[in-house]
C-alpha atoms as a PDB file:
ATOM      1  CA  MET A   1      15.523   0.189   8.865  1.00  0.00           C
ATOM      2  CA  HIS A   2      12.341   1.764   7.486  1.00  0.00           C
ATOM      3  CA  ASP A   3      14.297   3.115   4.514  1.00  0.00           C
ATOM      4  CA  ASN A   4      16.358  -0.013   3.830  1.00  0.00           C
ATOM      5  CA  PRO A   5      15.778  -1.590   0.396  1.00  0.00           C
ATOM      6  CA  ALA A   6      13.874  -4.760   1.221  1.00  0.00           C
ATOM      7  CA  TYR A   7      11.139  -5.474  -1.341  1.00  0.00           C
ATOM      8  CA  THR A   8      11.118  -6.204  -5.045  1.00  0.00           C
ATOM      9  CA  ALA A   9       8.335  -4.650  -7.088  1.00  0.00           C
ATOM     10  CA  SER A  10       6.634  -8.037  -7.392  1.00  0.00           C
ATOM     11  CA  GLU A  11       6.709  -8.609  -3.616  1.00  0.00           C
ATOM     12  CA  ALA A  12       5.330  -5.139  -2.902  1.00  0.00           C
ATOM     13  CA  ALA A  13       2.597  -5.545  -5.514  1.00  0.00           C
ATOM     14  CA  ARG A  14       1.480  -8.858  -4.000  1.00  0.00           C
ATOM     15  CA  ILE A  15       1.348  -7.430  -0.482  1.00  0.00           C
ATOM     16  CA  LEU A  16      -0.626  -4.379  -1.551  1.00  0.00           C
ATOM     17  CA  GLY A  17      -2.876  -6.095  -4.072  1.00  0.00           C
ATOM     18  CA  LEU A  18      -1.726  -3.812  -6.901  1.00  0.00           C
ATOM     19  CA  PRO A  19      -0.995  -4.729 -10.505  1.00  0.00           C
ATOM     20  CA  VAL A  20       2.771  -5.117 -10.874  1.00  0.00           C
ATOM     21  CA  ALA A  21       2.824  -2.783 -13.868  1.00  0.00           C
ATOM     22  CA  THR A  22       1.086  -0.046 -11.879  1.00  0.00           C
ATOM     23  CA  LEU A  23       3.443  -0.405  -8.937  1.00  0.00           C
ATOM     24  CA  LYS A  24       6.503  -0.331 -11.188  1.00  0.00           C
ATOM     25  CA  ALA A  25       5.267   2.792 -12.952  1.00  0.00           C
ATOM     26  CA  TRP A  26       4.597   4.623  -9.670  1.00  0.00           C
ATOM     27  CA  SER A  27       7.927   3.490  -8.214  1.00  0.00           C
ATOM     28  CA  PHE A  28      10.362   3.672 -11.122  1.00  0.00           C
ATOM     29  CA  GLY A  29       8.617   5.586 -13.884  1.00  0.00           C
ATOM     30  CA  GLN A  30       7.496   4.401 -17.261  1.00  0.00           C
ATOM     31  CA  VAL A  31       8.412   4.765 -20.927  1.00  0.00           C
ATOM     32  CA  ASN A  32       5.619   4.612 -23.508  1.00  0.00           C
ATOM     33  CA  ARG A  33       5.653   4.850 -27.284  1.00  0.00           C
ATOM     34  CA  THR A  34       3.202   7.318 -28.823  1.00  0.00           C
ATOM     35  CA  PRO A  35       1.132   6.451 -31.932  1.00  0.00           C
ATOM     36  CA  ALA A  36       3.677   8.534 -33.881  1.00  0.00           C
ATOM     37  CA  GLY A  37       6.458   6.241 -32.676  1.00  0.00           C
ATOM     38  CA  GLU A  38       8.029   8.719 -30.258  1.00  0.00           C
ATOM     39  CA  LEU A  39       9.150   7.619 -26.815  1.00  0.00           C
ATOM     40  CA  ARG A  40       7.512   9.414 -23.920  1.00  0.00           C
ATOM     41  CA  LYS A  41       8.962   9.072 -20.425  1.00  0.00           C
ATOM     42  CA  PHE A  42       6.904   9.432 -17.251  1.00  0.00           C
ATOM     43  CA  HIS A  43       8.754   9.967 -14.001  1.00  0.00           C
ATOM     44  CA  ALA A  44       8.046   7.971 -10.853  1.00  0.00           C
ATOM     45  CA  VAL A  45       5.548   9.198  -8.254  1.00  0.00           C
ATOM     46  CA  ILE A  46       7.567   8.148  -5.198  1.00  0.00           C
ATOM     47  CA  ARG A  47      11.311   8.060  -4.569  1.00  0.00           C
ATOM     48  CA  PRO A  48      12.368   4.404  -4.302  1.00  0.00           C
ATOM     49  CA  ALA A  49      14.949   3.338  -1.745  1.00  0.00           C
ATOM     50  CA  ASP A  50      17.196   1.862  -4.445  1.00  0.00           C
ATOM     51  CA  ALA A  51      16.251   2.892  -7.971  1.00  0.00           C
ATOM     52  CA  LYS A  52      19.301   1.248  -9.503  1.00  0.00           C
ATOM     53  CA  ARG A  53      18.473  -2.209  -8.125  1.00  0.00           C
ATOM     54  CA  ARG A  54      14.733  -1.439  -8.304  1.00  0.00           C
ATOM     55  CA  LEU A  55      14.152  -2.189  -4.635  1.00  0.00           C
ATOM     56  CA  LEU A  56      11.649  -0.598  -2.274  1.00  0.00           C
ATOM     57  CA  SER A  57      11.690   0.093   1.463  1.00  0.00           C
ATOM     58  CA  PHE A  58       9.027  -0.200   4.157  1.00  0.00           C
ATOM     59  CA  ALA A  59       8.503   3.557   3.872  1.00  0.00           C
ATOM     60  CA  ASN A  60       7.953   3.128   0.126  1.00  0.00           C
ATOM     61  CA  LEU A  61       5.479   0.338   0.877  1.00  0.00           C
ATOM     62  CA  CYS A  62       3.459   2.725   3.054  1.00  0.00           C
ATOM     63  CA  GLU A  63       3.515   5.403   0.333  1.00  0.00           C
ATOM     64  CA  LEU A  64       2.275   2.923  -2.240  1.00  0.00           C
ATOM     65  CA  HIS A  65      -0.383   1.664   0.171  1.00  0.00           C
ATOM     66  CA  VAL A  66      -1.760   5.196   0.361  1.00  0.00           C
ATOM     67  CA  LEU A  67      -1.643   5.597  -3.409  1.00  0.00           C
ATOM     68  CA  SER A  68      -3.346   2.245  -3.902  1.00  0.00           C
ATOM     69  CA  ALA A  69      -6.418   3.712  -2.193  1.00  0.00           C
ATOM     70  CA  ILE A  70      -7.135   5.736  -5.317  1.00  0.00           C
ATOM     71  CA  ARG A  71      -5.982   3.188  -7.900  1.00  0.00           C
ATOM     72  CA  ARG A  72      -8.495   0.419  -7.353  1.00  0.00           C
ATOM     73  CA  GLN A  73     -11.570   2.638  -7.124  1.00  0.00           C
ATOM     74  CA  HIS A  74     -10.711   5.642  -9.280  1.00  0.00           C
ATOM     75  CA  LYS A  75      -8.135   4.412 -11.846  1.00  0.00           C
ATOM     76  CA  VAL A  76      -6.213   7.703 -11.717  1.00  0.00           C
ATOM     77  CA  SER A  77      -3.503   7.820 -14.369  1.00  0.00           C
ATOM     78  CA  LEU A  78       0.209   8.044 -13.569  1.00  0.00           C
ATOM     79  CA  PRO A  79       0.729  11.627 -14.846  1.00  0.00           C
ATOM     80  CA  LYS A  80      -2.259  12.924 -12.848  1.00  0.00           C
ATOM     81  CA  VAL A  81      -1.239  11.099  -9.691  1.00  0.00           C
ATOM     82  CA  ARG A  82       2.318  12.411 -10.009  1.00  0.00           C
ATOM     83  CA  ALA A  83       1.137  15.972 -10.669  1.00  0.00           C
ATOM     84  CA  SER A  84      -1.075  15.871  -7.571  1.00  0.00           C
ATOM     85  CA  VAL A  85       1.673  14.400  -5.379  1.00  0.00           C
ATOM     86  CA  GLU A  86       4.142  17.026  -6.573  1.00  0.00           C
ATOM     87  CA  TYR A  87       1.603  19.734  -5.805  1.00  0.00           C
ATOM     88  CA  VAL A  88       1.133  18.431  -2.253  1.00  0.00           C
ATOM     89  CA  ARG A  89       4.912  18.001  -1.885  1.00  0.00           C
ATOM     90  CA  GLU A  90       5.399  21.659  -2.698  1.00  0.00           C
ATOM     91  CA  LYS A  91       2.563  22.890  -0.476  1.00  0.00           C
ATOM     92  CA  LEU A  92       3.615  20.794   2.537  1.00  0.00           C
ATOM     93  CA  GLY A  93       7.325  21.350   1.944  1.00  0.00           C
ATOM     94  CA  SER A  94       7.803  17.624   2.503  1.00  0.00           C
ATOM     95  CA  ASP A  95      10.106  15.183   0.727  1.00  0.00           C
ATOM     96  CA  ARG A  96       7.554  12.395   1.245  1.00  0.00           C
ATOM     97  CA  PRO A  97       4.183  14.108   1.481  1.00  0.00           C
ATOM     98  CA  LEU A  98       2.150  10.875   1.508  1.00  0.00           C
ATOM     99  CA  LEU A  99       3.891   9.853   4.736  1.00  0.00           C
ATOM    100  CA  ASP A 100       3.894  13.306   6.304  1.00  0.00           C
ATOM    101  CA  ARG A 101       1.873  13.668   9.484  1.00  0.00           C
ATOM    102  CA  ASP A 102       0.155  16.685   7.913  1.00  0.00           C
ATOM    103  CA  PHE A 103      -1.058  14.601   4.968  1.00  0.00           C
ATOM    104  CA  LYS A 104      -3.749  13.115   7.175  1.00  0.00           C
ATOM    105  CA  THR A 105      -5.052  16.601   7.968  1.00  0.00           C
ATOM    106  CA  ASN A 106      -4.710  19.181   5.204  1.00  0.00           C
ATOM    107  CA  GLY A 107      -2.621  17.081   2.784  1.00  0.00           C
ATOM    108  CA  VAL A 108      -5.532  14.874   1.738  1.00  0.00           C
ATOM    109  CA  ASP A 109      -7.648  17.932   1.026  1.00  0.00           C
ATOM    110  CA  LEU A 110      -4.805  19.466  -1.004  1.00  0.00           C
ATOM    111  CA  PHE A 111      -4.490  16.276  -3.062  1.00  0.00           C
ATOM    112  CA  VAL A 112      -8.228  15.886  -3.607  1.00  0.00           C
ATOM    113  CA  ARG A 113      -8.631  19.534  -4.543  1.00  0.00           C
ATOM    114  CA  HIS A 114      -5.807  19.413  -7.085  1.00  0.00           C
ATOM    115  CA  ALA A 115      -6.711  15.974  -8.460  1.00  0.00           C
ATOM    116  CA  SER A 116     -10.338  17.082  -8.830  1.00  0.00           C
ATOM    117  CA  LYS A 117      -9.261  19.822 -11.245  1.00  0.00           C
ATOM    118  CA  LEU A 118      -7.306  17.308 -13.306  1.00  0.00           C
ATOM    119  CA  LEU A 119     -10.009  14.633 -13.203  1.00  0.00           C
ATOM    120  CA  ASN A 120     -13.062  16.907 -13.360  1.00  0.00           C
ATOM    121  CA  VAL A 121     -14.818  14.799 -10.697  1.00  0.00           C
ATOM    122  CA  THR A 122     -18.074  15.690  -8.998  1.00  0.00           C
ATOM    123  CA  LYS A 123     -18.460  16.648  -5.345  1.00  0.00           C
ATOM    124  CA  GLN A 124     -19.597  13.086  -4.664  1.00  0.00           C
ATOM    125  CA  GLY A 125     -16.444  11.819  -6.367  1.00  0.00           C
ATOM    126  CA  GLN A 126     -14.307  14.103  -4.226  1.00  0.00           C
ATOM    127  CA  GLU A 127     -15.898  12.735  -1.059  1.00  0.00           C
ATOM    128  CA  ALA A 128     -15.254   9.159  -2.225  1.00  0.00           C
ATOM    129  CA  LEU A 129     -11.627   9.993  -3.002  1.00  0.00           C
ATOM    130  CA  ARG A 130     -11.141  11.568   0.413  1.00  0.00           C
ATOM    131  CA  GLY A 131     -12.793   8.582   2.105  1.00  0.00           C
ATOM    132  CA  ASP A 132     -10.493   6.103   0.365  1.00  0.00           C
ATOM    133  CA  PHE A 133      -7.445   8.024   1.564  1.00  0.00           C
ATOM    134  CA  GLU A 134      -8.754   8.114   5.138  1.00  0.00           C
ATOM    135  CA  LEU A 135      -9.317   4.338   5.122  1.00  0.00           C
ATOM    136  CA  ALA A 136      -5.770   3.722   3.893  1.00  0.00           C
ATOM    137  CA  LEU A 137      -4.141   6.167   6.325  1.00  0.00           C
ATOM    138  CA  ALA A 138      -5.974   4.605   9.266  1.00  0.00           C
ATOM    139  CA  ARG A 139      -4.116   1.340   8.592  1.00  0.00           C
ATOM    140  CA  ILE A 140      -0.672   2.900   9.112  1.00  0.00           C
ATOM    141  CA  GLU A 141       0.572   2.929  12.722  1.00  0.00           C
ATOM    142  CA  ARG A 142       3.003   5.707  13.649  1.00  0.00           C
ATOM    143  CA  ASP A 143       5.458   6.430  16.421  1.00  0.00           C
ATOM    144  CA  GLY A 144       5.476   9.539  18.612  1.00  0.00           C
ATOM    145  CA  ARG A 145       7.227  11.544  15.909  1.00  0.00           C
ATOM    146  CA  GLY A 146       4.650  10.582  13.300  1.00  0.00           C
ATOM    147  CA  ALA A 147       6.886   8.172  11.383  1.00  0.00           C
ATOM    148  CA  PRO A 148       5.208   4.985  10.044  1.00  0.00           C
ATOM    149  CA  ILE A 149       6.229   1.880  11.988  1.00  0.00           C
ATOM    150  CA  ARG A 150       3.587  -0.711  11.113  1.00  0.00           C
ATOM    151  CA  LEU A 151       1.297  -1.252   8.148  1.00  0.00           C
ATOM    152  CA  PHE A 152      -1.886  -3.292   8.239  1.00  0.00           C
ATOM    153  CA  PRO A 153      -2.470  -4.088   4.548  1.00  0.00           C
ATOM    154  CA  PHE A 154      -5.958  -4.728   3.266  1.00  0.00           C
ATOM    155  CA  SER A 155      -6.582  -8.451   3.574  1.00  0.00           C
ATOM    156  CA  ARG A 156      -9.805  -8.448   1.578  1.00  0.00           C
ATOM    157  CA  SER A 157     -10.317  -7.547  -2.039  1.00  0.00           C
ATOM    158  CA  SER A 158     -12.886  -4.853  -1.258  1.00  0.00           C
ATOM    159  CA  GLN A 159     -10.823  -2.031   0.236  1.00  0.00           C
ATOM    160  CA  THR A 160     -13.972  -0.030   0.902  1.00  0.00           C
ATOM    161  CA  GLU A 161     -14.896  -2.248   3.868  1.00  0.00           C
ATOM    162  CA  ARG A 162     -14.374  -0.007   6.883  1.00  0.00           C
ATOM    163  CA  ASN A 163     -14.250  -2.871   9.361  1.00  0.00           C
ATOM    164  CA  GLN A 164     -11.511  -4.925   7.729  1.00  0.00           C
ATOM    165  CA  PRO A 165      -9.626  -6.702  10.533  1.00  0.00           C
ATOM    166  CA  ARG A 166      -6.025  -5.883  11.440  1.00  0.00           C
ATOM    167  CA  THR A 167      -4.918  -9.484  11.682  1.00  0.00           C
ATOM    168  CA  VAL A 168      -2.041  -9.211   9.193  1.00  0.00           C
ATOM    169  CA  VAL A 169       0.727  -6.673   9.730  1.00  0.00           C
ATOM    170  CA  ILE A 170       3.927  -5.546   7.990  1.00  0.00           C
ATOM    171  CA  ASP A 171       6.547  -4.597  10.581  1.00  0.00           C
ATOM    172  CA  PRO A 172      10.208  -4.074   9.564  1.00  0.00           C
ATOM    173  CA  HIS A 173      11.259  -5.621  12.861  1.00  0.00           C
ATOM    174  CA  LEU A 174       9.343  -8.871  12.306  1.00  0.00           C
ATOM    175  CA  ALA A 175      10.133 -11.612   9.771  1.00  0.00           C
ATOM    176  CA  PHE A 176      12.260  -9.245   7.654  1.00  0.00           C
ATOM    177  CA  GLY A 177       9.186  -7.113   6.989  1.00  0.00           C
ATOM    178  CA  ARG A 178       7.090  -9.909   5.496  1.00  0.00           C
ATOM    179  CA  PRO A 179       3.362 -10.309   6.326  1.00  0.00           C
ATOM    180  CA  VAL A 180       2.755 -11.896   9.734  1.00  0.00           C
ATOM    181  CA  ILE A 181      -0.184 -12.492  12.075  1.00  0.00           C
ATOM    182  CA  SER A 182       0.057  -9.434  14.292  1.00  0.00           C
ATOM    183  CA  GLN A 183      -0.553 -11.178  17.646  1.00  0.00           C
ATOM    184  CA  ILE A 184       2.070 -13.901  17.264  1.00  0.00           C
ATOM    185  CA  ALA A 185       4.427 -12.721  14.484  1.00  0.00           C
ATOM    186  CA  VAL A 186       3.978 -15.967  12.538  1.00  0.00           C
ATOM    187  CA  PRO A 187       4.401 -15.351   8.791  1.00  0.00           C
ATOM    188  CA  THR A 188       1.217 -15.795   6.806  1.00  0.00           C
ATOM    189  CA  ALA A 189       3.278 -17.813   4.305  1.00  0.00           C
ATOM    190  CA  ILE A 190       3.768 -20.483   6.992  1.00  0.00           C
ATOM    191  CA  ILE A 191       0.023 -20.577   7.660  1.00  0.00           C
ATOM    192  CA  ILE A 192      -0.821 -21.162   4.008  1.00  0.00           C
ATOM    193  CA  ASP A 193       1.915 -23.809   3.712  1.00  0.00           C
ATOM    194  CA  ARG A 194       0.526 -25.717   6.698  1.00  0.00           C
ATOM    195  CA  PHE A 195      -2.998 -25.432   5.327  1.00  0.00           C
ATOM    196  CA  ARG A 196      -1.903 -26.848   1.972  1.00  0.00           C
ATOM    197  CA  ALA A 197      -0.150 -29.662   3.817  1.00  0.00           C
ATOM    198  CA  GLY A 198      -3.442 -30.654   5.418  1.00  0.00           C
ATOM    199  CA  ASP A 199      -3.464 -28.854   8.790  1.00  0.00           C
ATOM    200  CA  SER A 200      -6.891 -27.508   9.708  1.00  0.00           C
ATOM    201  CA  MET A 201      -7.602 -23.983  10.910  1.00  0.00           C
ATOM    202  CA  ALA A 202      -8.628 -25.389  14.282  1.00  0.00           C
ATOM    203  CA  GLU A 203      -5.317 -27.236  14.650  1.00  0.00           C
ATOM    204  CA  MET A 204      -3.268 -24.156  13.808  1.00  0.00           C
ATOM    205  CA  ALA A 205      -5.348 -21.936  16.075  1.00  0.00           C
ATOM    206  CA  GLY A 206      -4.649 -24.348  18.926  1.00  0.00           C
ATOM    207  CA  ASP A 207      -0.934 -24.536  18.151  1.00  0.00           C
ATOM    208  CA  TYR A 208      -0.492 -20.760  18.084  1.00  0.00           C
ATOM    209  CA  GLY A 209      -3.020 -19.813  20.746  1.00  0.00           C
ATOM    210  CA  VAL A 210      -5.134 -17.585  18.506  1.00  0.00           C
ATOM    211  CA  ARG A 211      -8.698 -17.657  17.236  1.00  0.00           C
ATOM    212  CA  GLU A 212      -9.694 -19.641  14.168  1.00  0.00           C
ATOM    213  CA  GLU A 213     -10.816 -16.313  12.709  1.00  0.00           C
ATOM    214  CA  ASP A 214      -7.206 -15.098  12.840  1.00  0.00           C
ATOM    215  CA  ILE A 215      -5.988 -18.149  10.938  1.00  0.00           C
ATOM    216  CA  GLU A 216      -8.812 -17.726   8.440  1.00  0.00           C
ATOM    217  CA  GLU A 217      -7.866 -14.074   7.863  1.00  0.00           C
ATOM    218  CA  ALA A 218      -4.215 -15.009   7.307  1.00  0.00           C
ATOM    219  CA  LEU A 219      -5.343 -17.587   4.761  1.00  0.00           C
ATOM    220  CA  ARG A 220      -7.635 -15.050   3.106  1.00  0.00           C
ATOM    221  CA  PHE A 221      -4.722 -12.639   2.797  1.00  0.00           C
ATOM    222  CA  GLU A 222      -2.428 -15.264   1.272  1.00  0.00           C
ATOM    223  CA  GLN A 223      -5.132 -16.480  -1.082  1.00  0.00           C
ATOM    224  CA  ARG A 224      -5.678 -12.894  -2.204  1.00  0.00           C
ATOM    225  CA  LEU A 225      -1.964 -12.714  -2.995  1.00  0.00           C
ATOM    226  CA  ALA A 226      -2.239 -15.857  -5.116  1.00  0.00           C
ATOM    227  CA  ALA A 227      -5.301 -14.645  -7.020  1.00  0.00           C
END
């Protein structure tokens, strides 16, 4: 189920708060025209579940979540991201290094070390890059074998907040893998629809047996998607 094609690029981009163009480039590659008029093709960074239909899986979503940690703060280009991922892939001997259990330990250091050479970043920049990865990895829940099973996407625009709540979750077994409130598995889309229809946060909190803060966080997540 974790590898089943389930998300369009637009859906994945909304969930992760990434520009659609960036997500498409990382997932399916990109073709650019040089000033001389020549076409230049860049290969994808990850391996999408269904490249032909341009669909992504939950596993792909987790990979892109990790990559998004460096996009928003560091604006790393596609060729440099891909080169660093391929380097880590080779060193870890892993088909999906960003999801590998070892990525959290030595894989991040491998990536940062290689990317630093390409980006010529300072020691302070390296520490920031490593910190962004650690924040993103901490929001992926794994099973006993180390495989990702749940993703808690960032619900606030500032991904650098270390205490972002884990109110919203992506779980392939719940609501077809769409964002839900983790305690009650109610899709955040339903919460925003009720709010727009006039239901208050207090009313919804009472109906679902959760705190108003949980409803507010679901609304914040949906409003971020609409921004």
